[in-house]
Protein backbone atom coordinates (compact mmCIF):
# COMPACT_ATOMS: atom_id res chain seq x y z
CA UNK A 1 0.00 0.00 0.00
CA UNK A 2 1.39 3.41 -0.90
CA UNK A 3 1.86 6.22 1.60
CA UNK A 4 -0.76 8.31 -0.19
CA UNK A 5 -3.24 5.46 0.04
CA UNK A 6 -2.46 4.98 3.73
CA UNK A 7 -2.98 8.70 4.36
CA UNK A 8 -6.32 8.60 2.52
CA UNK A 9 -7.50 5.61 4.56
CA UNK A 10 -6.35 7.24 7.80
CA UNK A 11 -8.23 10.44 6.92
CA UNK A 12 -11.38 8.50 6.04
CA UNK A 13 -11.17 6.51 9.27
CA UNK A 14 -10.76 9.75 11.22
CA UNK A 15 -13.77 11.25 9.38
CA UNK A 16 -15.91 8.26 10.38
CA UNK A 17 -14.71 8.46 13.99
CA UNK A 18 -15.45 12.19 14.18
CA UNK A 19 -18.95 11.76 12.76
CA UNK A 20 -19.81 8.75 14.95
CA UNK A 21 -18.50 10.40 18.12
CA UNK A 22 -19.67 13.93 17.18
CA UNK A 23 -16.13 15.13 17.89
CA UNK A 24 -16.63 18.52 16.22
CA UNK A 25 -13.50 20.01 17.83
CA UNK A 26 -11.27 17.62 15.83
CA UNK A 27 -13.02 18.14 12.49
CA UNK A 28 -11.22 21.40 11.54
CA UNK A 29 -7.91 19.52 11.62
CA UNK A 30 -9.20 17.20 8.91
CA UNK A 31 -10.54 19.90 6.57
CA UNK A 32 -8.74 22.29 4.23
CA UNK A 33 -9.31 25.99 4.79
CA UNK A 34 -11.06 26.35 1.43
CA UNK A 35 -13.45 23.40 1.87
CA UNK A 36 -16.67 23.70 -0.16
CA UNK A 37 -19.85 21.82 0.72
CA UNK A 38 -22.42 21.27 -2.01
CA UNK A 39 -25.76 20.75 -0.29
CA UNK A 40 -28.40 19.36 -2.66
CA UNK A 41 -31.07 21.29 -0.75
CA UNK A 42 -29.42 24.67 -1.41
CA UNK A 43 -28.67 26.43 -4.66
CA UNK A 44 -25.37 27.89 -3.45
CA UNK A 45 -22.55 25.84 -1.93
CA UNK A 46 -21.21 26.63 1.53
CA UNK A 47 -17.59 27.74 1.79
CA UNK A 48 -15.19 27.32 4.68
CA UNK A 49 -14.71 25.11 7.70
CA UNK A 50 -17.10 27.03 9.96
CA UNK A 51 -19.97 26.74 7.45
CA UNK A 52 -19.47 23.00 6.99
CA UNK A 53 -19.05 22.22 10.68
CA UNK A 54 -22.03 24.39 11.63
CA UNK A 55 -24.21 22.63 9.06
CA UNK A 56 -23.15 19.17 10.25
CA UNK A 57 -23.80 20.11 13.89
CA UNK A 58 -27.25 21.41 12.97
CA UNK A 59 -28.20 18.34 10.93
CA UNK A 60 -26.89 15.87 13.50
CA UNK A 61 -28.68 17.82 16.24
CA UNK A 62 -31.99 17.68 14.38
CA UNK A 63 -31.66 13.97 13.66
CA UNK A 64 -30.04 13.00 16.97
CA UNK A 65 -32.87 10.63 17.88
CA UNK A 66 -33.63 9.42 14.36
CA UNK A 67 -33.40 5.68 13.92
CA UNK A 68 -33.99 3.84 10.66
CA UNK A 69 -35.35 0.35 11.07
CA UNK A 70 -35.71 -1.58 7.83
CA UNK A 71 -38.82 -3.69 7.73
CA UNK A 72 -39.91 -6.22 5.18
CA UNK A 73 -43.59 -5.82 4.36
CA UNK A 74 -45.65 -8.70 3.09
CA UNK A 75 -48.86 -8.28 1.17
PDB file of N, CA and C in Angstrom:
ATOM      1  N   UNK A   1       0.847  -1.170   0.000  1.00  0.00           N
ATOM      2  CA  UNK A   1       0.000   0.000   0.000  1.00  0.00           C
ATOM      3  C   UNK A   1       0.901   1.244   0.000  1.00  0.00           C
ATOM      4  N   UNK A   2       0.571   2.212  -0.814  1.00  0.00           N
ATOM      5  CA  UNK A   2       1.394   3.414  -0.897  1.00  0.00           C
ATOM      6  C   UNK A   2       1.127   4.333   0.286  1.00  0.00           C
ATOM      7  N   UNK A   3       2.040   5.256   0.519  1.00  0.00           N
ATOM      8  CA  UNK A   3       1.864   6.221   1.601  1.00  0.00           C
ATOM      9  C   UNK A   3       0.648   7.104   1.376  1.00  0.00           C
ATOM     10  N   UNK A   4       0.407   7.484   0.117  1.00  0.00           N
ATOM     11  CA  UNK A   4      -0.764   8.313  -0.192  1.00  0.00           C
ATOM     12  C   UNK A   4      -2.043   7.547   0.119  1.00  0.00           C
ATOM     13  N   UNK A   5      -2.064   6.306  -0.239  1.00  0.00           N
ATOM     14  CA  UNK A   5      -3.240   5.457   0.037  1.00  0.00           C
ATOM     15  C   UNK A   5      -3.449   5.303   1.542  1.00  0.00           C
ATOM     16  N   UNK A   6      -2.371   5.106   2.268  1.00  0.00           N
ATOM     17  CA  UNK A   6      -2.455   4.982   3.725  1.00  0.00           C
ATOM     18  C   UNK A   6      -2.983   6.269   4.343  1.00  0.00           C
ATOM     19  N   UNK A   7      -2.520   7.409   3.843  1.00  0.00           N
ATOM     20  CA  UNK A   7      -2.979   8.700   4.358  1.00  0.00           C
ATOM     21  C   UNK A   7      -4.462   8.908   4.065  1.00  0.00           C
ATOM     22  N   UNK A   8      -4.901   8.493   2.879  1.00  0.00           N
ATOM     23  CA  UNK A   8      -6.317   8.597   2.524  1.00  0.00           C
ATOM     24  C   UNK A   8      -7.174   7.732   3.447  1.00  0.00           C
ATOM     25  N   UNK A   9      -6.753   6.521   3.673  1.00  0.00           N
ATOM     26  CA  UNK A   9      -7.497   5.615   4.555  1.00  0.00           C
ATOM     27  C   UNK A   9      -7.523   6.135   5.986  1.00  0.00           C
ATOM     28  N   UNK A  10      -6.406   6.678   6.445  1.00  0.00           N
ATOM     29  CA  UNK A  10      -6.354   7.241   7.796  1.00  0.00           C
ATOM     30  C   UNK A  10      -7.298   8.429   7.919  1.00  0.00           C
ATOM     31  N   UNK A  11      -7.328   9.282   6.902  1.00  0.00           N
ATOM     32  CA  UNK A  11      -8.227  10.441   6.915  1.00  0.00           C
ATOM     33  C   UNK A  11      -9.685   9.995   6.896  1.00  0.00           C
ATOM     34  N   UNK A  12     -10.003   9.006   6.091  1.00  0.00           N
ATOM     35  CA  UNK A  12     -11.376   8.502   6.038  1.00  0.00           C
ATOM     36  C   UNK A  12     -11.781   7.858   7.355  1.00  0.00           C
ATOM     37  N   UNK A  13     -10.892   7.110   7.958  1.00  0.00           N
ATOM     38  CA  UNK A  13     -11.172   6.512   9.269  1.00  0.00           C
ATOM     39  C   UNK A  13     -11.398   7.589  10.322  1.00  0.00           C
ATOM     40  N   UNK A  14     -10.594   8.647  10.272  1.00  0.00           N
ATOM     41  CA  UNK A  14     -10.758   9.749  11.219  1.00  0.00           C
ATOM     42  C   UNK A  14     -12.094  10.460  10.986  1.00  0.00           C
ATOM     43  N   UNK A  15     -12.471  10.657   9.718  1.00  0.00           N
ATOM     44  CA  UNK A  15     -13.772  11.250   9.381  1.00  0.00           C
ATOM     45  C   UNK A  15     -14.899  10.431  10.006  1.00  0.00           C
ATOM     46  N   UNK A  16     -14.870   9.132   9.819  1.00  0.00           N
ATOM     47  CA  UNK A  16     -15.913   8.260  10.382  1.00  0.00           C
ATOM     48  C   UNK A  16     -15.935   8.343  11.905  1.00  0.00           C
ATOM     49  N   UNK A  17     -14.768   8.353  12.534  1.00  0.00           N
ATOM     50  CA  UNK A  17     -14.710   8.460  13.991  1.00  0.00           C
ATOM     51  C   UNK A  17     -15.307   9.784  14.461  1.00  0.00           C
ATOM     52  N   UNK A  18     -14.941  10.867  13.804  1.00  0.00           N
ATOM     53  CA  UNK A  18     -15.449  12.190  14.178  1.00  0.00           C
ATOM     54  C   UNK A  18     -16.964  12.225  14.074  1.00  0.00           C
ATOM     55  N   UNK A  19     -17.501  11.729  12.979  1.00  0.00           N
ATOM     56  CA  UNK A  19     -18.951  11.757  12.761  1.00  0.00           C
ATOM     57  C   UNK A  19     -19.655  10.869  13.786  1.00  0.00           C
ATOM     58  N   UNK A  20     -19.158   9.668  13.997  1.00  0.00           N
ATOM     59  CA  UNK A  20     -19.807   8.753  14.945  1.00  0.00           C
ATOM     60  C   UNK A  20     -19.770   9.273  16.381  1.00  0.00           C
ATOM     61  N   UNK A  21     -18.664   9.915  16.754  1.00  0.00           N
ATOM     62  CA  UNK A  21     -18.503  10.404  18.124  1.00  0.00           C
ATOM     63  C   UNK A  21     -18.910  11.869  18.276  1.00  0.00           C
ATOM     64  N   UNK A  22     -19.296  12.496  17.167  1.00  0.00           N
ATOM     65  CA  UNK A  22     -19.669  13.930  17.177  1.00  0.00           C
ATOM     66  C   UNK A  22     -18.534  14.769  17.769  1.00  0.00           C
ATOM     67  N   UNK A  23     -17.323  14.462  17.383  1.00  0.00           N
ATOM     68  CA  UNK A  23     -16.128  15.128  17.888  1.00  0.00           C
ATOM     69  C   UNK A  23     -15.825  16.356  17.024  1.00  0.00           C
ATOM     70  N   UNK A  24     -16.706  17.351  17.094  1.00  0.00           N
ATOM     71  CA  UNK A  24     -16.634  18.521  16.216  1.00  0.00           C
ATOM     72  C   UNK A  24     -15.346  19.317  16.411  1.00  0.00           C
ATOM     73  N   UNK A  25     -14.726  19.253  17.586  1.00  0.00           N
ATOM     74  CA  UNK A  25     -13.497  20.007  17.832  1.00  0.00           C
ATOM     75  C   UNK A  25     -12.331  19.489  16.980  1.00  0.00           C
ATOM     76  N   UNK A  26     -12.351  18.218  16.625  1.00  0.00           N
ATOM     77  CA  UNK A  26     -11.266  17.625  15.833  1.00  0.00           C
ATOM     78  C   UNK A  26     -11.497  17.771  14.331  1.00  0.00           C
ATOM     79  N   UNK A  27     -12.719  18.070  13.915  1.00  0.00           N
ATOM     80  CA  UNK A  27     -13.022  18.137  12.489  1.00  0.00           C
ATOM     81  C   UNK A  27     -12.227  19.201  11.741  1.00  0.00           C
ATOM     82  N   UNK A  28     -12.005  20.400  12.294  1.00  0.00           N
ATOM     83  CA  UNK A  28     -11.224  21.396  11.542  1.00  0.00           C
ATOM     84  C   UNK A  28      -9.834  20.908  11.141  1.00  0.00           C
ATOM     85  N   UNK A  29      -9.236  20.046  11.950  1.00  0.00           N
ATOM     86  CA  UNK A  29      -7.910  19.519  11.624  1.00  0.00           C
ATOM     87  C   UNK A  29      -7.929  18.650  10.370  1.00  0.00           C
ATOM     88  N   UNK A  30      -9.076  18.100  10.049  1.00  0.00           N
ATOM     89  CA  UNK A  30      -9.202  17.198   8.912  1.00  0.00           C
ATOM     90  C   UNK A  30      -9.538  17.936   7.618  1.00  0.00           C
ATOM     91  N   UNK A  31     -10.059  19.152   7.726  1.00  0.00           N
ATOM     92  CA  UNK A  31     -10.537  19.905   6.569  1.00  0.00           C
ATOM     93  C   UNK A  31      -9.515  20.915   6.071  1.00  0.00           C
ATOM     94  N   UNK A  32      -9.554  21.200   4.775  1.00  0.00           N
ATOM     95  CA  UNK A  32      -8.744  22.286   4.231  1.00  0.00           C
ATOM     96  C   UNK A  32      -9.463  23.607   4.500  1.00  0.00           C
ATOM     97  N   UNK A  33      -8.713  24.680   4.518  1.00  0.00           N
ATOM     98  CA  UNK A  33      -9.307  25.993   4.795  1.00  0.00           C
ATOM     99  C   UNK A  33     -10.343  26.391   3.751  1.00  0.00           C
ATOM    100  N   UNK A  34     -10.144  25.953   2.506  1.00  0.00           N
ATOM    101  CA  UNK A  34     -11.058  26.352   1.434  1.00  0.00           C
ATOM    102  C   UNK A  34     -12.092  25.269   1.102  1.00  0.00           C
ATOM    103  N   UNK A  35     -12.472  24.466   2.091  1.00  0.00           N
ATOM    104  CA  UNK A  35     -13.453  23.404   1.871  1.00  0.00           C
ATOM    105  C   UNK A  35     -14.762  23.995   1.342  1.00  0.00           C
ATOM    106  N   UNK A  36     -15.378  23.297   0.406  1.00  0.00           N
ATOM    107  CA  UNK A  36     -16.668  23.698  -0.160  1.00  0.00           C
ATOM    108  C   UNK A  36     -17.631  22.533  -0.018  1.00  0.00           C
ATOM    109  N   UNK A  37     -18.814  22.834   0.491  1.00  0.00           N
ATOM    110  CA  UNK A  37     -19.845  21.820   0.725  1.00  0.00           C
ATOM    111  C   UNK A  37     -21.014  22.095  -0.210  1.00  0.00           C
ATOM    112  N   UNK A  38     -21.306  21.147  -1.071  1.00  0.00           N
ATOM    113  CA  UNK A  38     -22.424  21.272  -2.010  1.00  0.00           C
ATOM    114  C   UNK A  38     -23.626  20.534  -1.431  1.00  0.00           C
ATOM    115  N   UNK A  39     -24.552  21.297  -0.896  1.00  0.00           N
ATOM    116  CA  UNK A  39     -25.760  20.754  -0.288  1.00  0.00           C
ATOM    117  C   UNK A  39     -26.837  20.666  -1.368  1.00  0.00           C
ATOM    118  N   UNK A  40     -27.381  19.485  -1.620  1.00  0.00           N
ATOM    119  CA  UNK A  40     -28.404  19.361  -2.665  1.00  0.00           C
ATOM    120  C   UNK A  40     -29.679  20.143  -2.360  1.00  0.00           C
ATOM    121  N   UNK A  41     -29.870  20.550  -1.116  1.00  0.00           N
ATOM    122  CA  UNK A  41     -31.075  21.292  -0.745  1.00  0.00           C
ATOM    123  C   UNK A  41     -30.901  22.802  -0.921  1.00  0.00           C
ATOM    124  N   UNK A  42     -29.692  23.247  -1.248  1.00  0.00           N
ATOM    125  CA  UNK A  42     -29.418  24.665  -1.406  1.00  0.00           C
ATOM    126  C   UNK A  42     -28.837  24.920  -2.788  1.00  0.00           C
ATOM    127  N   UNK A  43     -29.176  26.077  -3.342  1.00  0.00           N
ATOM    128  CA  UNK A  43     -28.665  26.425  -4.663  1.00  0.00           C
ATOM    129  C   UNK A  43     -27.181  26.771  -4.611  1.00  0.00           C
ATOM    130  N   UNK A  44     -26.762  27.457  -3.577  1.00  0.00           N
ATOM    131  CA  UNK A  44     -25.371  27.891  -3.454  1.00  0.00           C
ATOM    132  C   UNK A  44     -24.600  26.985  -2.495  1.00  0.00           C
ATOM    133  N   UNK A  45     -23.364  26.641  -2.851  1.00  0.00           N
ATOM    134  CA  UNK A  45     -22.548  25.839  -1.925  1.00  0.00           C
ATOM    135  C   UNK A  45     -22.111  26.667  -0.722  1.00  0.00           C
ATOM    136  N   UNK A  46     -21.759  25.986   0.344  1.00  0.00           N
ATOM    137  CA  UNK A  46     -21.211  26.631   1.533  1.00  0.00           C
ATOM    138  C   UNK A  46     -19.692  26.582   1.445  1.00  0.00           C
ATOM    139  N   UNK A  47     -19.045  27.654   1.887  1.00  0.00           N
ATOM    140  CA  UNK A  47     -17.591  27.738   1.793  1.00  0.00           C
ATOM    141  C   UNK A  47     -16.989  27.907   3.181  1.00  0.00           C
ATOM    142  N   UNK A  48     -15.940  27.172   3.448  1.00  0.00           N
ATOM    143  CA  UNK A  48     -15.187  27.323   4.682  1.00  0.00           C
ATOM    144  C   UNK A  48     -15.522  26.283   5.737  1.00  0.00           C
ATOM    145  N   UNK A  49     -14.575  26.091   6.634  1.00  0.00           N
ATOM    146  CA  UNK A  49     -14.713  25.106   7.697  1.00  0.00           C
ATOM    147  C   UNK A  49     -15.895  25.403   8.615  1.00  0.00           C
ATOM    148  N   UNK A  50     -16.040  26.672   9.018  1.00  0.00           N
ATOM    149  CA  UNK A  50     -17.105  27.030   9.955  1.00  0.00           C
ATOM    150  C   UNK A  50     -18.483  26.721   9.380  1.00  0.00           C
ATOM    151  N   UNK A  51     -18.671  27.000   8.089  1.00  0.00           N
ATOM    152  CA  UNK A  51     -19.966  26.740   7.449  1.00  0.00           C
ATOM    153  C   UNK A  51     -20.265  25.246   7.417  1.00  0.00           C
ATOM    154  N   UNK A  52     -19.273  24.447   7.058  1.00  0.00           N
ATOM    155  CA  UNK A  52     -19.475  22.996   6.987  1.00  0.00           C
ATOM    156  C   UNK A  52     -19.729  22.403   8.366  1.00  0.00           C
ATOM    157  N   UNK A  53     -18.899  22.768   9.331  1.00  0.00           N
ATOM    158  CA  UNK A  53     -19.049  22.215  10.679  1.00  0.00           C
ATOM    159  C   UNK A  53     -20.371  22.654  11.292  1.00  0.00           C
ATOM    160  N   UNK A  54     -20.746  23.908  11.115  1.00  0.00           N
ATOM    161  CA  UNK A  54     -22.028  24.393  11.628  1.00  0.00           C
ATOM    162  C   UNK A  54     -23.203  23.641  11.025  1.00  0.00           C
ATOM    163  N   UNK A  55     -23.144  23.376   9.727  1.00  0.00           N
ATOM    164  CA  UNK A  55     -24.213  22.629   9.058  1.00  0.00           C
ATOM    165  C   UNK A  55     -24.290  21.200   9.581  1.00  0.00           C
ATOM    166  N   UNK A  56     -23.147  20.544   9.729  1.00  0.00           N
ATOM    167  CA  UNK A  56     -23.147  19.168  10.249  1.00  0.00           C
ATOM    168  C   UNK A  56     -23.686  19.121  11.676  1.00  0.00           C
ATOM    169  N   UNK A  57     -23.295  20.072  12.510  1.00  0.00           N
ATOM    170  CA  UNK A  57     -23.795  20.107  13.886  1.00  0.00           C
ATOM    171  C   UNK A  57     -25.314  20.300  13.895  1.00  0.00           C
ATOM    172  N   UNK A  58     -25.811  21.174  13.046  1.00  0.00           N
ATOM    173  CA  UNK A  58     -27.249  21.411  12.969  1.00  0.00           C
ATOM    174  C   UNK A  58     -27.996  20.151  12.533  1.00  0.00           C
ATOM    175  N   UNK A  59     -27.529  19.544  11.464  1.00  0.00           N
ATOM    176  CA  UNK A  59     -28.202  18.344  10.934  1.00  0.00           C
ATOM    177  C   UNK A  59     -28.153  17.199  11.949  1.00  0.00           C
ATOM    178  N   UNK A  60     -27.000  16.955  12.535  1.00  0.00           N
ATOM    179  CA  UNK A  60     -26.889  15.867  13.503  1.00  0.00           C
ATOM    180  C   UNK A  60     -27.685  16.168  14.768  1.00  0.00           C
ATOM    181  N   UNK A  61     -27.839  17.447  15.103  1.00  0.00           N
ATOM    182  CA  UNK A  61     -28.677  17.817  16.241  1.00  0.00           C
ATOM    183  C   UNK A  61     -30.146  17.554  15.969  1.00  0.00           C
ATOM    184  N   UNK A  62     -30.586  17.893  14.759  1.00  0.00           N
ATOM    185  CA  UNK A  62     -31.993  17.678  14.377  1.00  0.00           C
ATOM    186  C   UNK A  62     -32.323  16.192  14.353  1.00  0.00           C
ATOM    187  N   UNK A  63     -31.413  15.403  13.811  1.00  0.00           N
ATOM    188  CA  UNK A  63     -31.663  13.974  13.655  1.00  0.00           C
ATOM    189  C   UNK A  63     -31.010  13.125  14.747  1.00  0.00           C
ATOM    190  N   UNK A  64     -30.733  13.715  15.887  1.00  0.00           N
ATOM    191  CA  UNK A  64     -30.042  13.001  16.967  1.00  0.00           C
ATOM    192  C   UNK A  64     -30.783  11.744  17.402  1.00  0.00           C
ATOM    193  N   UNK A  65     -32.091  11.776  17.412  1.00  0.00           N
ATOM    194  CA  UNK A  65     -32.866  10.629  17.877  1.00  0.00           C
ATOM    195  C   UNK A  65     -33.477   9.823  16.737  1.00  0.00           C
ATOM    196  N   UNK A  66     -33.089  10.136  15.512  1.00  0.00           N
ATOM    197  CA  UNK A  66     -33.630   9.421  14.360  1.00  0.00           C
ATOM    198  C   UNK A  66     -33.029   8.027  14.294  1.00  0.00           C
ATOM    199  N   UNK A  67     -33.869   7.055  14.058  1.00  0.00           N
ATOM    200  CA  UNK A  67     -33.402   5.682  13.916  1.00  0.00           C
ATOM    201  C   UNK A  67     -34.138   5.048  12.753  1.00  0.00           C
ATOM    202  N   UNK A  68     -33.400   4.523  11.808  1.00  0.00           N
ATOM    203  CA  UNK A  68     -33.987   3.845  10.659  1.00  0.00           C
ATOM    204  C   UNK A  68     -34.021   2.355  10.948  1.00  0.00           C
ATOM    205  N   UNK A  69     -35.189   1.784  10.847  1.00  0.00           N
ATOM    206  CA  UNK A  69     -35.352   0.354  11.073  1.00  0.00           C
ATOM    207  C   UNK A  69     -35.956  -0.250   9.802  1.00  0.00           C
ATOM    208  N   UNK A  70     -35.162  -0.975   9.042  1.00  0.00           N
ATOM    209  CA  UNK A  70     -35.710  -1.579   7.829  1.00  0.00           C
ATOM    210  C   UNK A  70     -36.718  -2.673   8.192  1.00  0.00           C
ATOM    211  N   UNK A  71     -37.775  -2.696   7.451  1.00  0.00           N
ATOM    212  CA  UNK A  71     -38.820  -3.690   7.725  1.00  0.00           C
ATOM    213  C   UNK A  71     -39.319  -4.254   6.406  1.00  0.00           C
ATOM    214  N   UNK A  72     -39.405  -5.548   6.352  1.00  0.00           N
ATOM    215  CA  UNK A  72     -39.912  -6.219   5.175  1.00  0.00           C
ATOM    216  C   UNK A  72     -41.430  -6.317   5.308  1.00  0.00           C
ATOM    217  N   UNK A  73     -42.126  -5.795   4.327  1.00  0.00           N
ATOM    218  CA  UNK A  73     -43.588  -5.822   4.356  1.00  0.00           C
ATOM    219  C   UNK A  73     -44.090  -6.926   3.437  1.00  0.00           C
ATOM    220  N   UNK A  74     -45.032  -7.668   3.919  1.00  0.00           N
ATOM    221  CA  UNK A  74     -45.653  -8.701   3.095  1.00  0.00           C
ATOM    222  C   UNK A  74     -47.061  -8.267   2.757  1.00  0.00           C
ATOM    223  N   UNK A  75     -47.488  -8.598   1.584  1.00  0.00           N
ATOM    224  CA  UNK A  75     -48.856  -8.275   1.169  1.00  0.00           C
ATOM    225  C   UNK A  75     -49.644  -9.519   0.995  1.00  0.00           C
TER     226      UNK A  75
END
